[in-house]
Protein backbone atom coordinates (compact mmCIF):
# COMPACT_ATOMS: atom_id res chain seq x y z
CA MET A 1 0.00 0.00 0.00
CA GLU A 2 2.22 2.82 -1.30
CA LYS A 3 -0.40 5.49 -0.68
CA LEU A 4 -3.35 5.24 1.67
CA LEU A 5 -5.76 6.76 -0.84
CA ASP A 6 -4.80 4.12 -3.43
CA PHE A 7 -6.63 1.49 -1.41
CA VAL A 8 -9.48 3.88 -0.54
CA LYS A 9 -9.96 4.33 -4.29
CA GLU A 10 -9.82 0.57 -4.92
CA LEU A 11 -12.47 0.02 -2.26
CA SER A 12 -14.69 2.83 -3.55
CA PHE A 13 -17.60 0.87 -4.98
CA VAL A 14 -21.08 0.14 -3.66
CA ARG A 15 -20.70 -2.77 -1.22
CA VAL A 16 -24.05 -3.28 0.45
CA ALA A 17 -24.40 -5.66 3.38
CA GLY A 18 -24.95 -9.25 2.30
CA SER A 19 -24.06 -8.60 -1.34
CA PRO A 20 -21.38 -10.14 -3.59
CA GLU A 21 -19.76 -6.70 -3.62
CA GLU A 22 -19.42 -6.73 0.16
CA GLU A 23 -17.73 -10.12 -0.10
CA ARG A 24 -15.42 -8.75 -2.79
CA ALA A 25 -14.44 -5.95 -0.40
CA ALA A 26 -13.68 -8.58 2.26
CA GLU A 27 -11.39 -10.35 -0.21
CA LEU A 28 -9.49 -7.11 -0.85
CA ILE A 29 -8.98 -6.65 2.89
CA GLU A 30 -7.75 -10.23 3.20
CA ARG A 31 -5.30 -9.59 0.35
CA GLU A 32 -3.87 -6.58 2.18
CA ILE A 33 -3.53 -8.55 5.43
CA ALA A 34 -1.54 -11.22 3.61
CA LEU A 35 0.67 -8.60 1.89
CA ALA A 36 1.37 -6.96 5.25
CA GLY A 37 2.46 -10.33 6.61
CA GLU A 38 4.81 -10.89 3.69
CA GLU A 39 6.33 -7.43 4.11
CA ALA A 40 6.94 -8.16 7.79
CA GLY A 41 8.59 -11.50 6.97
CA LYS A 42 5.54 -13.50 8.07
CA PRO A 43 4.24 -15.00 4.81
CA LYS A 44 1.84 -17.41 6.52
CA VAL A 45 -0.21 -14.63 8.11
CA GLN A 46 -3.77 -14.64 6.75
CA GLY A 47 -7.04 -12.93 7.59
CA GLU A 48 -9.88 -15.04 8.98
CA ARG A 49 -13.54 -14.93 7.97
CA MET A 50 -16.28 -14.83 10.57
CA THR A 51 -19.62 -15.34 8.84
CA PHE A 52 -23.02 -14.49 10.26
CA SER A 53 -26.62 -14.41 9.07
CA PHE A 54 -29.31 -11.79 9.50
CA PRO A 55 -32.95 -11.36 8.44
CA PHE A 56 -33.30 -9.34 5.25
CA ALA A 57 -35.78 -8.80 2.45
CA ARG A 58 -35.84 -8.12 -1.27
CA ALA A 59 -38.56 -6.05 -2.90
CA HIS A 60 -40.00 -7.23 -6.21
CA ARG A 61 -42.34 -4.31 -6.65
CA CYS A 62 -42.68 -0.89 -5.01
CA LEU A 63 -45.20 1.70 -6.16
CA VAL A 64 -46.68 4.92 -4.79
CA LYS A 65 -49.27 6.46 -7.10
CA ALA A 66 -51.24 9.69 -6.66
CA GLY A 67 -53.93 9.81 -9.36
CA GLU A 68 -52.09 9.05 -12.58
CA LYS A 69 -48.71 10.14 -11.26
CA GLU A 70 -46.19 7.56 -10.05
CA LEU A 71 -43.89 8.94 -7.35
CA SER A 72 -40.25 8.03 -6.83
CA CYS A 73 -40.16 5.62 -3.92
CA VAL A 74 -38.20 2.89 -2.20
CA PRO A 75 -39.37 0.41 0.45
CA TYR A 76 -38.64 -0.21 4.06
CA LEU A 77 -37.29 -3.73 3.66
CA GLY A 78 -38.94 -6.28 5.93
CA SER A 79 -42.01 -4.11 6.46
CA GLY A 80 -44.54 -6.40 4.80
CA ASN A 81 -46.73 -6.19 1.69
CA ILE A 82 -49.64 -4.08 0.47
CA ASP A 83 -51.60 -3.53 -2.74
CA ARG A 84 -54.51 -1.16 -2.23
CA GLU A 85 -55.78 2.39 -2.24
CA CYS A 86 -55.41 4.26 1.06
CA ARG A 87 -56.54 7.55 2.49
CA LEU A 88 -53.54 9.87 2.96
CA LEU A 89 -52.95 11.66 6.28
CA PHE A 90 -49.96 13.88 7.09
CA LEU A 91 -49.01 13.68 10.78
CA GLY A 92 -45.77 15.67 10.93
CA ASN A 93 -43.22 14.12 13.28
CA GLY A 94 -45.74 11.58 14.59
CA SER A 95 -45.78 12.95 18.13
CA GLU A 96 -48.43 12.10 20.69
CA ILE A 97 -50.12 15.40 19.85
CA ASP A 98 -49.97 14.67 16.11
CA PHE A 99 -51.78 11.38 16.67
CA ALA A 100 -54.34 12.82 19.11
CA GLY A 101 -57.83 12.11 17.80
CA ALA A 102 -56.51 10.13 14.82
CA GLY A 103 -58.66 7.12 15.71
CA ASP A 104 -58.55 3.96 13.64
CA LEU A 105 -56.21 4.29 10.65
CA SER A 106 -56.70 0.87 9.09
CA ASP A 107 -57.65 2.51 5.78
CA THR A 108 -54.93 5.18 5.99
CA ALA A 109 -51.36 5.70 4.88
CA VAL A 110 -49.64 8.04 7.32
CA LEU A 111 -47.11 10.50 5.89
CA LEU A 112 -44.35 11.49 8.34
CA ASN A 113 -41.45 13.93 8.26
CA LYS A 114 -39.36 11.13 9.75
CA LEU A 115 -39.94 7.77 11.36
CA GLY A 116 -38.23 8.98 14.52
CA ASP A 117 -37.97 6.69 17.50
CA GLU A 118 -39.81 3.52 18.45
CA LYS A 119 -42.61 5.49 20.09
CA VAL A 120 -43.67 6.87 16.69
CA TYR A 121 -43.80 3.39 15.20
CA LYS A 122 -45.78 2.13 18.20
CA ARG A 123 -48.36 4.83 17.56
CA LEU A 124 -48.70 3.63 13.97
CA VAL A 125 -49.29 0.09 15.26
CA GLU A 126 -51.71 1.15 17.99
CA HIS A 127 -53.81 3.09 15.48
CA HIS A 128 -53.69 0.16 13.00
CA ALA A 129 -52.18 2.26 10.19
CA ALA A 130 -52.40 0.56 6.79
CA ALA A 131 -48.98 1.91 5.78
CA PHE A 132 -46.54 4.75 6.42
CA LEU A 133 -44.50 7.04 4.20
CA VAL A 134 -41.39 8.98 5.23
CA LEU A 135 -39.93 11.87 3.27
CA LYS A 136 -36.24 12.32 2.47
CA GLY A 137 -34.18 15.28 1.29
CA LYS A 138 -35.19 18.89 0.79
CA TYR A 139 -38.33 20.07 -0.95
CA TYR A 140 -36.24 21.35 -3.89
CA PHE A 141 -34.15 18.17 -4.35
CA SER A 142 -34.54 16.04 -7.45
CA LYS A 143 -34.96 12.30 -6.92
CA GLU A 144 -31.22 11.91 -7.63
CA GLU A 145 -30.29 14.54 -5.05
CA ALA A 146 -32.64 12.99 -2.49
CA ALA A 147 -30.61 9.75 -2.78
CA LEU A 148 -33.44 7.35 -2.09
CA TYR A 149 -32.41 3.82 -1.21
CA PRO A 150 -34.20 0.91 0.50
CA ILE A 151 -33.96 0.95 4.28
CA ARG A 152 -34.05 -2.15 6.48
CA LEU A 153 -36.77 -1.85 9.13
CA ARG A 154 -34.90 -2.59 12.35
CA GLU A 155 -35.94 -5.23 14.87
CA HIS A 156 -36.89 -2.72 17.56
CA PHE A 157 -39.63 -1.55 15.21
CA THR A 158 -40.83 -4.92 13.93
CA ARG A 159 -41.15 -6.34 17.44
CA ASN A 160 -44.18 -4.06 17.76
CA GLY A 161 -45.75 -5.31 14.53
CA VAL A 162 -45.18 -5.03 10.79
CA ILE A 163 -46.55 -2.13 8.77
CA PRO A 164 -45.67 -1.59 5.07
CA GLY A 165 -43.36 1.41 4.74
CA PHE A 166 -42.14 3.63 1.92
CA VAL A 167 -39.64 6.46 1.48
CA ILE A 168 -40.47 9.26 -0.98
CA THR A 169 -38.78 12.54 -1.87
CA ALA A 170 -39.54 15.66 0.14
CA ALA A 171 -40.53 17.35 -3.12
CA ASP A 172 -43.25 14.77 -3.78
CA ALA A 173 -44.34 14.84 -0.13
CA ALA A 174 -44.68 18.62 -0.24
CA ALA A 175 -46.79 18.36 -3.40
CA LEU A 176 -49.08 15.77 -1.82
CA VAL A 177 -49.75 17.98 1.19
CA ARG A 178 -49.93 21.25 -0.75
CA ASP A 179 -52.39 19.80 -3.29
CA GLU A 180 -54.43 18.21 -0.49
CA VAL A 181 -54.28 14.77 -2.09
CA LYS A 182 -56.85 12.59 -0.35
CA ASP A 183 -56.03 9.10 -1.64
CA ILE A 184 -52.98 7.24 -2.94
CA TRP A 185 -52.36 3.75 -4.29
CA LEU A 186 -49.64 1.71 -2.61
CA THR A 187 -48.05 -1.50 -3.82
CA LEU A 188 -45.25 -3.29 -2.04
CA GLU A 189 -44.29 -6.87 -2.80
CA GLN A 190 -41.29 -8.26 -0.97
CA GLU A 191 -39.99 -11.53 0.42
CA ASN A 192 -38.00 -12.16 3.56
CA TYR A 193 -34.85 -14.28 3.56
CA GLU A 194 -31.69 -14.93 5.56
CA ALA A 195 -28.74 -12.94 4.23
CA LYS A 196 -25.09 -13.69 4.94
CA SER A 197 -22.28 -11.32 5.71
CA GLN A 198 -18.80 -11.60 7.12
CA ASN A 199 -16.29 -9.95 9.38
CA VAL A 200 -12.61 -10.12 8.50
CA LEU A 201 -10.41 -10.84 11.50
CA ALA A 202 -6.70 -10.68 12.18
CA VAL A 203 -4.77 -11.08 15.43
CA ILE A 204 -1.33 -9.79 16.41
CA GLU A 205 -0.29 -11.66 19.53
CA GLY A 206 1.30 -9.58 22.25
CA SER A 207 4.52 -10.40 24.06
CA ASP A 208 4.61 -10.42 27.87
CA LEU A 209 1.03 -9.11 28.33
CA LYS A 210 -0.62 -11.12 25.58
CA GLU A 211 -3.45 -12.29 27.85
CA GLN A 212 -4.79 -8.72 27.70
CA SER A 213 -6.39 -7.72 24.40
CA ILE A 214 -7.26 -4.50 22.61
CA VAL A 215 -9.86 -4.70 19.86
CA LEU A 216 -9.69 -2.41 16.83
CA THR A 217 -12.72 -2.06 14.57
CA ALA A 218 -13.83 -0.43 11.32
CA HIS A 219 -16.73 -1.26 9.02
CA TYR A 220 -16.18 -1.83 5.32
CA ASP A 221 -19.73 -2.05 3.92
CA SER A 222 -21.56 0.90 2.38
CA VAL A 223 -25.06 2.16 1.69
CA PRO A 224 -26.47 1.57 -1.84
CA VAL A 225 -25.65 5.07 -3.13
CA GLY A 226 -22.28 6.75 -3.65
CA THR A 227 -19.02 4.84 -3.47
CA GLY A 228 -18.62 4.94 0.31
CA SER A 229 -15.16 6.48 -0.05
CA TRP A 230 -15.31 8.49 3.15
CA ASP A 231 -17.82 6.19 4.88
CA ASN A 232 -15.99 3.97 5.41
CA ALA A 233 -13.30 3.06 2.92
CA THR A 234 -11.14 5.55 4.82
CA GLY A 235 -11.62 3.86 8.19
CA THR A 236 -11.05 0.45 6.61
CA THR A 237 -7.81 1.67 5.04
CA ALA A 238 -6.64 3.35 8.25
CA LEU A 239 -7.12 0.09 10.13
CA LEU A 240 -5.12 -1.80 7.48
CA ALA A 241 -2.28 0.73 7.79
CA ILE A 242 -2.32 0.30 11.57
CA TYR A 243 -2.26 -3.48 11.14
CA ARG A 244 0.68 -3.17 8.73
CA TYR A 245 2.65 -1.21 11.32
CA PHE A 246 1.98 -3.50 14.26
CA ILE A 247 2.51 -6.79 12.40
CA ALA A 248 6.07 -5.51 11.97
CA HIS A 249 6.26 -4.08 15.52
CA PRO A 250 4.23 -6.40 17.82
CA PRO A 251 3.25 -4.71 21.11
CA ARG A 252 3.06 -6.13 24.63
CA ARG A 253 -0.71 -6.64 24.49
CA THR A 254 -2.60 -8.63 21.89
CA LEU A 255 -4.31 -6.62 19.16
CA ARG A 256 -7.52 -8.03 17.67
CA PHE A 257 -8.50 -6.42 14.39
CA VAL A 258 -12.11 -6.65 13.20
CA TRP A 259 -13.17 -5.29 9.81
CA CYS A 260 -16.92 -5.35 10.35
CA GLY A 261 -19.51 -6.24 7.75
CA SER A 262 -23.07 -4.88 7.65
CA GLU A 263 -22.57 -1.91 9.95
CA GLU A 264 -24.92 0.21 7.88
CA LEU A 265 -27.82 -2.13 8.69
CA GLY A 266 -27.43 -1.70 12.45
CA LEU A 267 -23.88 -2.67 13.56
CA LEU A 268 -24.60 -6.27 12.60
CA GLY A 269 -20.95 -7.31 12.21
CA SER A 270 -19.76 -5.98 15.57
CA LYS A 271 -22.86 -7.35 17.28
CA ALA A 272 -22.18 -10.78 15.76
CA TYR A 273 -18.55 -10.65 16.90
CA VAL A 274 -19.57 -9.90 20.48
CA GLN A 275 -22.23 -12.62 20.44
CA GLN A 276 -19.88 -15.25 19.03
CA ASN A 277 -16.95 -14.37 21.31
CA GLU A 278 -18.52 -13.98 24.76
CA LYS A 279 -15.64 -15.73 26.54
CA LEU A 280 -13.13 -13.49 24.78
CA LEU A 281 -14.77 -10.31 26.05
CA GLU A 282 -13.28 -10.80 29.49
CA GLU A 283 -9.73 -10.35 28.18
CA ILE A 284 -10.60 -7.40 25.89
CA LYS A 285 -9.73 -4.31 27.90
CA PHE A 286 -10.04 -1.51 25.37
CA CYS A 287 -11.56 -0.68 21.97
CA PHE A 288 -10.45 1.68 19.21
CA ASN A 289 -12.92 2.32 16.40
CA PHE A 290 -12.29 3.99 13.04
CA ASP A 291 -15.27 5.45 11.20
CA MET A 292 -14.43 8.07 8.56
CA CYS A 293 -11.20 10.05 8.38
CA GLY A 294 -8.90 11.75 5.90
CA THR A 295 -11.03 14.67 4.69
CA ILE A 296 -9.26 17.71 3.24
CA LEU A 297 -11.34 20.10 5.33
CA GLY A 298 -12.88 19.54 8.73
CA SER A 299 -11.77 18.66 12.24
CA ASN A 300 -10.48 15.59 14.01
CA MET A 301 -12.94 13.94 16.36
CA ILE A 302 -12.52 11.55 19.27
CA PHE A 303 -15.68 9.88 20.57
CA VAL A 304 -15.18 8.87 24.19
CA THR A 305 -17.31 6.10 25.68
CA GLY A 306 -16.27 5.23 29.20
CA GLU A 307 -15.52 6.65 32.61
CA LYS A 308 -14.52 10.31 33.09
CA GLU A 309 -10.87 9.31 33.38
CA LEU A 310 -10.94 8.10 29.76
CA GLU A 311 -12.01 11.56 28.59
CA THR A 312 -9.24 13.13 30.69
CA PHE A 313 -6.70 10.67 29.28
CA ALA A 314 -7.70 11.41 25.68
CA GLU A 315 -7.64 15.16 26.26
CA GLN A 316 -4.19 15.12 27.84
CA TYR A 317 -2.81 12.70 25.26
CA CYS A 318 -3.84 15.05 22.43
CA LYS A 319 -1.90 17.84 24.15
CA LEU A 320 1.18 15.66 24.48
CA ALA A 321 0.95 14.55 20.85
CA GLY A 322 0.08 17.99 19.47
CA TYR A 323 -3.06 16.58 17.88
CA SER A 324 -5.99 18.96 17.59
CA ALA A 325 -9.26 17.11 18.13
CA GLU A 326 -12.75 17.75 19.42
CA LEU A 327 -13.75 15.29 22.16
CA LYS A 328 -17.32 14.10 22.56
CA ALA A 329 -18.36 11.93 25.52
CA LEU A 330 -21.22 9.77 24.28
CA VAL A 331 -22.20 6.44 22.77
CA HIS A 332 -20.69 6.54 19.30
CA SER A 333 -23.16 5.19 16.75
CA SER A 334 -20.60 2.84 15.28
CA ASP A 335 -18.97 -0.54 15.84
CA SER A 336 -17.52 0.31 19.24
CA ALA A 337 -21.02 0.41 20.78
CA PRO A 338 -21.53 -3.39 21.19
CA PHE A 339 -18.17 -3.58 23.00
CA CYS A 340 -19.06 -0.63 25.23
CA ASP A 341 -22.28 -2.47 26.05
CA HIS A 342 -20.01 -5.03 27.76
CA GLU A 343 -18.26 -2.27 29.71
CA ILE A 344 -15.23 -2.14 27.39
CA PRO A 345 -14.08 1.51 27.18
CA ALA A 346 -13.69 2.89 23.68
CA LEU A 347 -12.22 5.74 21.71
CA GLY A 348 -13.66 6.40 18.28
CA LEU A 349 -11.15 8.16 16.02
CA SER A 350 -12.72 10.09 13.17
CA ARG A 351 -12.53 13.24 11.08
CA GLU A 352 -15.70 15.13 10.25
CA THR A 353 -16.59 18.01 7.98
CA ALA A 354 -19.63 19.87 6.70
CA SER A 355 -18.05 19.94 3.23
CA ALA A 356 -18.43 16.19 2.61
CA GLU A 357 -21.51 13.99 2.63
CA ILE A 358 -22.25 10.43 3.68
CA HIS A 359 -25.16 8.23 2.62
CA THR A 360 -25.55 10.15 -0.64
CA GLY A 361 -24.22 9.89 -4.18
CA ARG A 362 -21.61 12.51 -3.23
CA ASP A 363 -19.59 10.26 -0.91
CA LEU A 364 -16.68 10.23 -3.35
CA MET A 365 -12.89 10.55 -3.41
CA ASP A 366 -12.91 14.30 -4.10
CA THR A 367 -13.20 15.29 -0.43
CA LEU A 368 -10.20 13.25 0.74
CA SER A 369 -6.53 14.07 1.26
CA GLU A 370 -3.48 11.79 1.52
CA THR A 371 -1.90 14.23 3.97
CA ALA A 372 -4.95 14.23 6.25
CA MET A 373 -5.14 10.42 6.10
CA GLU A 374 -1.47 10.13 7.06
CA LYS A 375 -1.91 12.48 10.03
CA ASN A 376 -4.92 10.53 11.29
CA VAL A 377 -3.13 7.19 10.91
CA ASP A 378 0.15 8.39 12.45
CA PHE A 379 -1.68 9.68 15.53
CA ALA A 380 -3.64 6.44 15.85
CA ILE A 381 -0.48 4.32 15.65
CA ARG A 382 1.19 6.43 18.34
CA LEU A 383 -1.85 6.31 20.63
CA ILE A 384 -2.51 2.59 20.17
CA GLY A 385 1.16 1.78 20.61
CA ASP A 386 1.38 3.67 23.90
CA VAL A 387 -1.77 2.01 25.23
CA ALA A 388 -0.80 -1.47 24.02
CA ASN A 389 2.70 -1.13 25.52
CA ALA A 390 1.74 0.63 28.76
CA ALA A 391 2.96 -0.78 32.06
CA VAL A 392 -0.63 -0.37 33.29
CA LEU A 393 -3.60 0.44 31.11
CA PRO A 394 -4.60 4.11 31.50
CA VAL A 395 -8.24 3.25 32.20
CA LYS A 396 -10.09 0.29 33.67
CA LYS A 397 -13.10 -1.47 32.22
CA GLY A 398 -16.46 -0.06 33.17
CA MET A 399 -19.14 2.44 32.22
CA PRO A 400 -20.59 5.27 34.30
CA LYS A 401 -24.28 5.17 35.14
CA GLU A 402 -25.23 7.84 32.59
CA ARG A 403 -23.42 5.99 29.79
CA LYS A 404 -25.13 2.72 30.71
CA GLU A 405 -28.44 4.53 30.44
CA ASP A 406 -27.36 5.91 27.06
CA LEU A 407 -26.50 2.38 25.94
CA ASP A 408 -29.92 1.09 27.05
CA LYS A 409 -31.52 3.83 24.99
CA TYR A 410 -29.21 3.29 22.01
CA PHE A 411 -29.95 -0.44 21.90
CA HIS A 412 -33.67 0.16 22.39
CA ARG A 413 -33.98 -1.72 25.63
CA ASP A 414 -37.08 -1.24 27.72
CA THR A 415 -35.53 0.45 30.75
CA GLU A 416 -38.67 0.04 32.86
CA GLU A 417 -38.66 -3.70 32.24
CA LYS A 418 -34.94 -3.78 33.02
CA LYS A 419 -35.51 -2.06 36.36
CA LYS A 420 -38.23 -4.59 37.23
CA GLU A 421 -35.86 -7.46 36.43
CA GLU A 422 -33.08 -5.91 38.52
CA LYS A 423 -35.46 -5.60 41.51
CA LYS A 424 -36.45 -9.26 41.15
CA SER A 425 -32.84 -10.39 41.07
């Protein structure tokens, strides 16, 4: 890998979870792992596949029709089927007030600004809505600019029931409301199936402290639009560069690298890793996650999930290293979250900017810089090396109460039910 952006460019193709293209991306990562081993004089080093399955759906037909006009639309995958005319009702953000007095909606398609949280979906179920539509983009966007693509309806929604769902452009949604359209025809035909994805794993065994592990993660899948250059071919490449360094310079602690599949569908790869390696979690003491870096413009970000001392450590380390970064103490919506849910502290290293876009057709190479990539990778190597070689780890495992509550919310756990169970036990 002569230049970091060379591999980012090679990986810049649509690689949706569970697709042949995602598997092709996994093969490219495995190739780079093997090359790194050869360069370090370890020709037998290979990446390892960890496969997992998840419920998915494919749509055979998707139609939203107002009078004679067919609107641009995509489905919520796994949301069921419909083929009928429905009354149309716009309910804004779907708040409790929006639904007040709505009554039975079994003959109605509800148009929403956004699906929002689980409470909104529950209201749709409780009112027996026939279907729902969510708008995307700005009212002046074309269908290309709106970047419509099928969205998987997550399990925390479907556990309440299944309602056929559609995504339409904001421009079409605005026209429906402005023109006071009363009825629309909806058709959605889809079938559920079990899809397969894979994580790519590699391990660098530590020396005298090898029984302690540090896990390093980055997802390599993309959404169905754009080339996913920034999100997350950059993080994937950064993790490969870090692997290349440490395979030649093994640290005291064991490093476990996980290139995660299917992150865009709900962190499925990192969740699968945690589920399939429960015994291993005890020895994993720290997590570093890489999700987007290397932009020409923007600022470095460090997402801190752990005790207060972890935030203090990261802040002071940046001063020592001369690395300008904005720190945010929260649950990072990325592959570190499942590890944090097992009280493994995490730092998410990223670089963000308002001048680049993710999850659109504009996630391309143009916003990226070799120099910025190198700075992000060099800092990560220094930080990881100091942690992996420390006499004593700078922070202990554990999560503060407020972060545990954030994790409950993030993973859509019923906190009231959890409290009841804790009282029983």
